[in-house]
Amino acid sequence: MAKPDILSRREREMMNIIFRAGKATASEVMDAMADPPSYSAVRATLRVLEQKGHVRHQLDGVRYVYIPTMNRERAGVSALDHLLNTFFEGSAASVVATLIERSKERMTDDELDRLSDIIRQARKEGR
């Protein structure tokens, strides 16, 4: 079985569609995709997402309706944990530094102040 925390580009696209809609059939997922593969490929990918534990299905007549098994925030945390451990050796500081470096021209004073507040609060609460 494929690793449950790792999603391909297509799987991420389908999960985004299902998260936005709350639930969706294979046809609805396919219709919402920018460049959809075949219907069979959509169904196969939804089966993989189900095997990985990201969605479950309910029967609605003859159709399967796919529902996320976790909320978007929890899924995002799981993906971020995978990214952190795979590419940044578990260093949150490295991730944050990279994000700030890539975004510094677009960051507002309010966003920078918020980051400062978060860091200040983390120092206060201890490690």
N, C-alpha and C. Protein backbone atom coordinates (compact mmCIF):
# COMPACT_ATOMS: atom_id res chain seq x y z
N MET A 1 0.85 -1.18 0.00
CA MET A 1 0.00 0.00 0.00
C MET A 1 0.89 1.24 0.00
N ALA A 2 0.42 2.29 -0.64
CA ALA A 2 1.16 3.54 -0.70
C ALA A 2 1.20 4.19 0.68
N LYS A 3 2.21 5.03 0.90
CA LYS A 3 2.33 5.71 2.18
C LYS A 3 1.16 6.67 2.37
N PRO A 4 0.48 6.60 3.52
CA PRO A 4 -0.74 7.38 3.71
C PRO A 4 -0.52 8.89 3.76
N ASP A 5 0.62 9.37 4.24
CA ASP A 5 0.82 10.81 4.38
C ASP A 5 1.29 11.48 3.10
N ILE A 6 1.70 10.70 2.12
CA ILE A 6 2.25 11.28 0.90
C ILE A 6 1.17 11.27 -0.18
N LEU A 7 0.85 12.46 -0.68
CA LEU A 7 -0.15 12.57 -1.74
C LEU A 7 0.51 13.05 -3.02
N SER A 8 0.13 12.45 -4.12
CA SER A 8 0.59 12.91 -5.42
C SER A 8 -0.11 14.23 -5.77
N ARG A 9 0.31 14.86 -6.83
CA ARG A 9 -0.32 16.11 -7.27
C ARG A 9 -1.80 15.89 -7.55
N ARG A 10 -2.13 14.82 -8.24
CA ARG A 10 -3.53 14.52 -8.56
C ARG A 10 -4.34 14.26 -7.29
N GLU A 11 -3.75 13.49 -6.37
CA GLU A 11 -4.44 13.21 -5.12
C GLU A 11 -4.71 14.50 -4.34
N ARG A 12 -3.72 15.39 -4.29
CA ARG A 12 -3.91 16.68 -3.61
C ARG A 12 -5.01 17.49 -4.29
N GLU A 13 -5.03 17.49 -5.62
CA GLU A 13 -6.05 18.23 -6.35
C GLU A 13 -7.44 17.67 -6.01
N MET A 14 -7.56 16.36 -6.00
CA MET A 14 -8.85 15.74 -5.69
C MET A 14 -9.26 16.01 -4.25
N MET A 15 -8.32 15.95 -3.33
CA MET A 15 -8.64 16.24 -1.93
C MET A 15 -9.11 17.69 -1.78
N ASN A 16 -8.47 18.62 -2.48
CA ASN A 16 -8.90 20.02 -2.42
C ASN A 16 -10.34 20.17 -2.90
N ILE A 17 -10.68 19.46 -3.97
CA ILE A 17 -12.05 19.51 -4.50
C ILE A 17 -13.04 18.96 -3.47
N ILE A 18 -12.71 17.83 -2.87
CA ILE A 18 -13.60 17.21 -1.89
C ILE A 18 -13.70 18.09 -0.65
N PHE A 19 -12.59 18.67 -0.20
CA PHE A 19 -12.64 19.58 0.95
C PHE A 19 -13.55 20.77 0.67
N ARG A 20 -13.40 21.37 -0.51
CA ARG A 20 -14.21 22.54 -0.86
C ARG A 20 -15.70 22.20 -0.89
N ALA A 21 -16.01 21.05 -1.47
CA ALA A 21 -17.41 20.65 -1.63
C ALA A 21 -17.99 20.01 -0.37
N GLY A 22 -17.12 19.47 0.46
CA GLY A 22 -17.59 18.73 1.64
C GLY A 22 -17.77 17.25 1.36
N LYS A 23 -18.22 16.95 0.15
CA LYS A 23 -18.36 15.57 -0.33
C LYS A 23 -18.52 15.66 -1.84
N ALA A 24 -18.17 14.58 -2.54
CA ALA A 24 -18.27 14.61 -4.00
C ALA A 24 -18.23 13.21 -4.58
N THR A 25 -18.92 13.06 -5.70
CA THR A 25 -18.85 11.80 -6.46
C THR A 25 -17.63 11.88 -7.39
N ALA A 26 -17.29 10.76 -7.99
CA ALA A 26 -16.18 10.74 -8.94
C ALA A 26 -16.44 11.71 -10.10
N SER A 27 -17.68 11.73 -10.58
CA SER A 27 -18.03 12.64 -11.68
C SER A 27 -17.87 14.10 -11.27
N GLU A 28 -18.30 14.43 -10.05
CA GLU A 28 -18.16 15.81 -9.56
C GLU A 28 -16.70 16.19 -9.41
N VAL A 29 -15.88 15.26 -8.92
CA VAL A 29 -14.45 15.52 -8.80
C VAL A 29 -13.87 15.77 -10.19
N MET A 30 -14.19 14.89 -11.12
CA MET A 30 -13.68 15.01 -12.48
C MET A 30 -14.09 16.34 -13.11
N ASP A 31 -15.34 16.74 -12.94
CA ASP A 31 -15.83 18.00 -13.51
C ASP A 31 -15.12 19.22 -12.93
N ALA A 32 -14.66 19.12 -11.69
CA ALA A 32 -14.01 20.26 -11.03
C ALA A 32 -12.51 20.33 -11.31
N MET A 33 -11.94 19.31 -11.92
CA MET A 33 -10.49 19.28 -12.18
C MET A 33 -10.15 20.14 -13.39
N ALA A 34 -9.00 20.79 -13.31
CA ALA A 34 -8.54 21.65 -14.39
C ALA A 34 -8.24 20.85 -15.66
N ASP A 35 -7.55 19.75 -15.51
CA ASP A 35 -7.16 18.91 -16.65
C ASP A 35 -7.39 17.45 -16.23
N PRO A 36 -8.64 17.01 -16.22
CA PRO A 36 -8.95 15.70 -15.64
C PRO A 36 -8.43 14.53 -16.47
N PRO A 37 -8.03 13.48 -15.76
CA PRO A 37 -7.71 12.23 -16.46
C PRO A 37 -9.03 11.55 -16.81
N SER A 38 -8.97 10.31 -17.23
CA SER A 38 -10.20 9.57 -17.57
C SER A 38 -11.01 9.32 -16.30
N TYR A 39 -12.28 9.02 -16.50
CA TYR A 39 -13.16 8.70 -15.38
C TYR A 39 -12.61 7.51 -14.59
N SER A 40 -12.09 6.52 -15.29
CA SER A 40 -11.51 5.34 -14.62
C SER A 40 -10.33 5.73 -13.75
N ALA A 41 -9.51 6.64 -14.24
CA ALA A 41 -8.34 7.09 -13.46
C ALA A 41 -8.79 7.87 -12.22
N VAL A 42 -9.84 8.67 -12.35
CA VAL A 42 -10.38 9.39 -11.20
C VAL A 42 -10.87 8.40 -10.16
N ARG A 43 -11.64 7.41 -10.59
CA ARG A 43 -12.14 6.39 -9.66
C ARG A 43 -11.00 5.64 -8.98
N ALA A 44 -9.98 5.29 -9.77
CA ALA A 44 -8.83 4.57 -9.20
C ALA A 44 -8.11 5.42 -8.16
N THR A 45 -7.95 6.70 -8.45
CA THR A 45 -7.26 7.59 -7.50
C THR A 45 -8.09 7.76 -6.24
N LEU A 46 -9.40 7.86 -6.38
CA LEU A 46 -10.26 7.96 -5.20
C LEU A 46 -10.17 6.69 -4.35
N ARG A 47 -10.03 5.54 -4.99
CA ARG A 47 -9.84 4.28 -4.25
C ARG A 47 -8.52 4.32 -3.47
N VAL A 48 -7.48 4.86 -4.11
CA VAL A 48 -6.18 4.98 -3.43
C VAL A 48 -6.30 5.91 -2.23
N LEU A 49 -6.99 7.04 -2.42
CA LEU A 49 -7.19 7.97 -1.31
C LEU A 49 -7.96 7.30 -0.17
N GLU A 50 -8.89 6.43 -0.53
CA GLU A 50 -9.63 5.69 0.49
C GLU A 50 -8.72 4.70 1.20
N GLN A 51 -7.88 3.99 0.46
CA GLN A 51 -6.94 3.05 1.06
C GLN A 51 -5.95 3.75 1.98
N LYS A 52 -5.57 4.97 1.62
CA LYS A 52 -4.65 5.75 2.45
C LYS A 52 -5.34 6.34 3.67
N GLY A 53 -6.67 6.27 3.70
CA GLY A 53 -7.41 6.76 4.85
C GLY A 53 -7.79 8.23 4.79
N HIS A 54 -7.69 8.86 3.63
CA HIS A 54 -8.02 10.27 3.49
C HIS A 54 -9.49 10.53 3.19
N VAL A 55 -10.15 9.56 2.57
CA VAL A 55 -11.59 9.67 2.29
C VAL A 55 -12.26 8.34 2.62
N ARG A 56 -13.56 8.41 2.77
CA ARG A 56 -14.38 7.21 2.87
C ARG A 56 -15.54 7.44 1.91
N HIS A 57 -16.26 6.38 1.60
CA HIS A 57 -17.40 6.58 0.70
C HIS A 57 -18.69 6.13 1.35
N GLN A 58 -19.78 6.74 0.87
CA GLN A 58 -21.12 6.33 1.23
C GLN A 58 -21.84 6.01 -0.07
N LEU A 59 -22.69 5.04 -0.01
CA LEU A 59 -23.46 4.68 -1.19
C LEU A 59 -24.70 5.57 -1.27
N ASP A 60 -24.90 6.20 -2.43
CA ASP A 60 -26.08 7.02 -2.70
C ASP A 60 -26.71 6.47 -3.97
N GLY A 61 -27.63 5.55 -3.80
CA GLY A 61 -28.16 4.84 -4.96
C GLY A 61 -27.07 3.94 -5.52
N VAL A 62 -26.67 4.20 -6.76
CA VAL A 62 -25.60 3.42 -7.37
C VAL A 62 -24.27 4.17 -7.36
N ARG A 63 -24.29 5.38 -6.80
CA ARG A 63 -23.07 6.21 -6.81
C ARG A 63 -22.35 6.14 -5.47
N TYR A 64 -21.02 6.24 -5.52
CA TYR A 64 -20.22 6.41 -4.32
C TYR A 64 -20.05 7.92 -4.12
N VAL A 65 -20.30 8.37 -2.91
CA VAL A 65 -20.06 9.76 -2.55
C VAL A 65 -18.88 9.75 -1.59
N TYR A 66 -17.82 10.47 -1.95
CA TYR A 66 -16.58 10.48 -1.17
C TYR A 66 -16.58 11.65 -0.19
N ILE A 67 -16.19 11.34 1.05
CA ILE A 67 -16.20 12.30 2.14
C ILE A 67 -14.82 12.27 2.80
N PRO A 68 -14.24 13.43 3.10
CA PRO A 68 -12.94 13.43 3.77
C PRO A 68 -13.06 12.81 5.17
N THR A 69 -12.03 12.10 5.59
CA THR A 69 -12.05 11.48 6.91
C THR A 69 -11.47 12.40 7.98
N MET A 70 -10.85 13.49 7.55
CA MET A 70 -10.32 14.47 8.49
C MET A 70 -10.56 15.85 7.93
N ASN A 71 -10.50 16.86 8.80
CA ASN A 71 -10.71 18.21 8.30
C ASN A 71 -9.46 18.71 7.59
N ARG A 72 -9.61 19.79 6.86
CA ARG A 72 -8.51 20.34 6.06
C ARG A 72 -7.32 20.71 6.93
N GLU A 73 -7.58 21.27 8.10
CA GLU A 73 -6.49 21.70 8.98
C GLU A 73 -5.65 20.50 9.42
N ARG A 74 -6.30 19.43 9.84
CA ARG A 74 -5.57 18.23 10.27
C ARG A 74 -4.78 17.64 9.11
N ALA A 75 -5.37 17.62 7.92
CA ALA A 75 -4.66 17.11 6.75
C ALA A 75 -3.45 17.99 6.44
N GLY A 76 -3.62 19.31 6.59
CA GLY A 76 -2.51 20.23 6.36
C GLY A 76 -1.37 20.02 7.34
N VAL A 77 -1.71 19.79 8.61
CA VAL A 77 -0.70 19.54 9.63
C VAL A 77 0.07 18.26 9.30
N SER A 78 -0.65 17.24 8.86
CA SER A 78 0.00 15.99 8.49
C SER A 78 0.96 16.19 7.31
N ALA A 79 0.52 16.94 6.30
CA ALA A 79 1.37 17.23 5.14
C ALA A 79 2.58 18.07 5.55
N LEU A 80 2.35 19.03 6.44
CA LEU A 80 3.45 19.88 6.90
C LEU A 80 4.47 19.08 7.70
N ASP A 81 3.99 18.16 8.55
CA ASP A 81 4.90 17.28 9.29
C ASP A 81 5.78 16.47 8.34
N HIS A 82 5.15 15.95 7.28
CA HIS A 82 5.91 15.18 6.29
C HIS A 82 6.96 16.07 5.61
N LEU A 83 6.59 17.26 5.21
CA LEU A 83 7.51 18.21 4.59
C LEU A 83 8.65 18.57 5.54
N LEU A 84 8.30 18.86 6.78
CA LEU A 84 9.28 19.23 7.80
C LEU A 84 10.33 18.14 7.97
N ASN A 85 9.87 16.90 8.11
CA ASN A 85 10.80 15.80 8.34
C ASN A 85 11.56 15.37 7.09
N THR A 86 10.94 15.49 5.92
CA THR A 86 11.58 15.05 4.69
C THR A 86 12.61 16.03 4.17
N PHE A 87 12.28 17.32 4.20
CA PHE A 87 13.14 18.30 3.55
C PHE A 87 13.89 19.23 4.50
N PHE A 88 13.48 19.29 5.77
CA PHE A 88 14.09 20.26 6.68
C PHE A 88 14.62 19.62 7.95
N GLU A 89 14.83 18.30 7.92
CA GLU A 89 15.41 17.55 9.04
C GLU A 89 14.71 17.86 10.36
N GLY A 90 13.40 18.09 10.30
CA GLY A 90 12.63 18.33 11.51
C GLY A 90 12.76 19.72 12.10
N SER A 91 13.43 20.62 11.41
CA SER A 91 13.67 21.97 11.94
C SER A 91 12.57 22.95 11.52
N ALA A 92 11.72 23.31 12.49
CA ALA A 92 10.67 24.29 12.23
C ALA A 92 11.30 25.64 11.85
N ALA A 93 12.40 25.98 12.49
CA ALA A 93 13.08 27.25 12.19
C ALA A 93 13.51 27.32 10.73
N SER A 94 13.99 26.21 10.19
CA SER A 94 14.40 26.19 8.78
C SER A 94 13.21 26.38 7.85
N VAL A 95 12.08 25.77 8.19
CA VAL A 95 10.88 25.93 7.37
C VAL A 95 10.43 27.38 7.39
N VAL A 96 10.34 27.95 8.58
CA VAL A 96 9.87 29.33 8.72
C VAL A 96 10.82 30.29 8.02
N ALA A 97 12.12 30.09 8.21
CA ALA A 97 13.11 30.97 7.56
C ALA A 97 12.98 30.90 6.04
N THR A 98 12.78 29.71 5.51
CA THR A 98 12.61 29.55 4.06
C THR A 98 11.34 30.24 3.58
N LEU A 99 10.25 30.07 4.29
CA LEU A 99 9.00 30.71 3.91
C LEU A 99 9.11 32.23 3.94
N ILE A 100 9.73 32.76 4.98
CA ILE A 100 9.89 34.22 5.08
C ILE A 100 10.80 34.73 3.98
N GLU A 101 11.88 34.03 3.73
CA GLU A 101 12.82 34.46 2.69
C GLU A 101 12.14 34.50 1.32
N ARG A 102 11.31 33.51 1.04
CA ARG A 102 10.62 33.45 -0.26
C ARG A 102 9.50 34.48 -0.37
N SER A 103 8.96 34.93 0.76
CA SER A 103 7.77 35.78 0.74
C SER A 103 8.01 37.19 1.25
N LYS A 104 9.23 37.54 1.62
CA LYS A 104 9.46 38.79 2.34
C LYS A 104 8.99 40.03 1.59
N GLU A 105 9.05 40.04 0.28
CA GLU A 105 8.59 41.23 -0.45
C GLU A 105 7.08 41.39 -0.41
N ARG A 106 6.37 40.28 -0.20
CA ARG A 106 4.90 40.32 -0.20
C ARG A 106 4.31 40.38 1.21
N MET A 107 5.13 40.25 2.23
CA MET A 107 4.62 40.22 3.60
C MET A 107 4.31 41.63 4.09
N THR A 108 3.17 41.75 4.74
CA THR A 108 2.76 43.05 5.28
C THR A 108 3.36 43.23 6.69
N ASP A 109 3.33 44.44 7.17
CA ASP A 109 3.78 44.71 8.53
C ASP A 109 2.94 43.92 9.53
N ASP A 110 1.65 43.80 9.27
CA ASP A 110 0.78 43.03 10.17
C ASP A 110 1.20 41.57 10.24
N GLU A 111 1.55 40.98 9.10
CA GLU A 111 2.00 39.59 9.09
C GLU A 111 3.32 39.43 9.85
N LEU A 112 4.23 40.37 9.64
CA LEU A 112 5.52 40.32 10.36
C LEU A 112 5.30 40.50 11.86
N ASP A 113 4.40 41.40 12.23
CA ASP A 113 4.08 41.59 13.65
C ASP A 113 3.48 40.32 14.24
N ARG A 114 2.62 39.66 13.48
CA ARG A 114 2.02 38.42 13.96
C ARG A 114 3.08 37.35 14.20
N LEU A 115 4.03 37.24 13.27
CA LEU A 115 5.12 36.27 13.45
C LEU A 115 5.94 36.62 14.69
N SER A 116 6.22 37.89 14.87
CA SER A 116 6.97 38.32 16.07
C SER A 116 6.22 37.94 17.34
N ASP A 117 4.91 38.16 17.33
CA ASP A 117 4.09 37.81 18.50
C ASP A 117 4.12 36.31 18.77
N ILE A 118 4.05 35.51 17.72
CA ILE A 118 4.09 34.05 17.88
C ILE A 118 5.42 33.62 18.47
N ILE A 119 6.50 34.20 17.98
CA ILE A 119 7.84 33.86 18.50
C ILE A 119 7.95 34.29 19.97
N ARG A 120 7.49 35.49 20.27
CA ARG A 120 7.53 36.00 21.65
C ARG A 120 6.74 35.08 22.58
N GLN A 121 5.56 34.65 22.14
CA GLN A 121 4.72 33.77 22.94
C GLN A 121 5.40 32.40 23.14
N ALA A 122 6.02 31.88 22.10
CA ALA A 122 6.73 30.59 22.20
C ALA A 122 7.87 30.68 23.21
N ARG A 123 8.57 31.79 23.21
CA ARG A 123 9.66 31.98 24.19
C ARG A 123 9.10 32.02 25.61
N LYS A 124 7.97 32.70 25.77
CA LYS A 124 7.36 32.85 27.09
C LYS A 124 6.89 31.50 27.62
N GLU A 125 6.29 30.69 26.75
CA GLU A 125 5.74 29.39 27.16
C GLU A 125 6.80 28.32 27.35
N GLY A 126 8.01 28.58 26.88
CA GLY A 126 9.08 27.60 27.00
C GLY A 126 9.08 26.61 25.86
N ARG A 127 10.03 25.76 25.88
CA ARG A 127 10.18 24.82 24.78
C ARG A 127 9.51 23.55 25.09
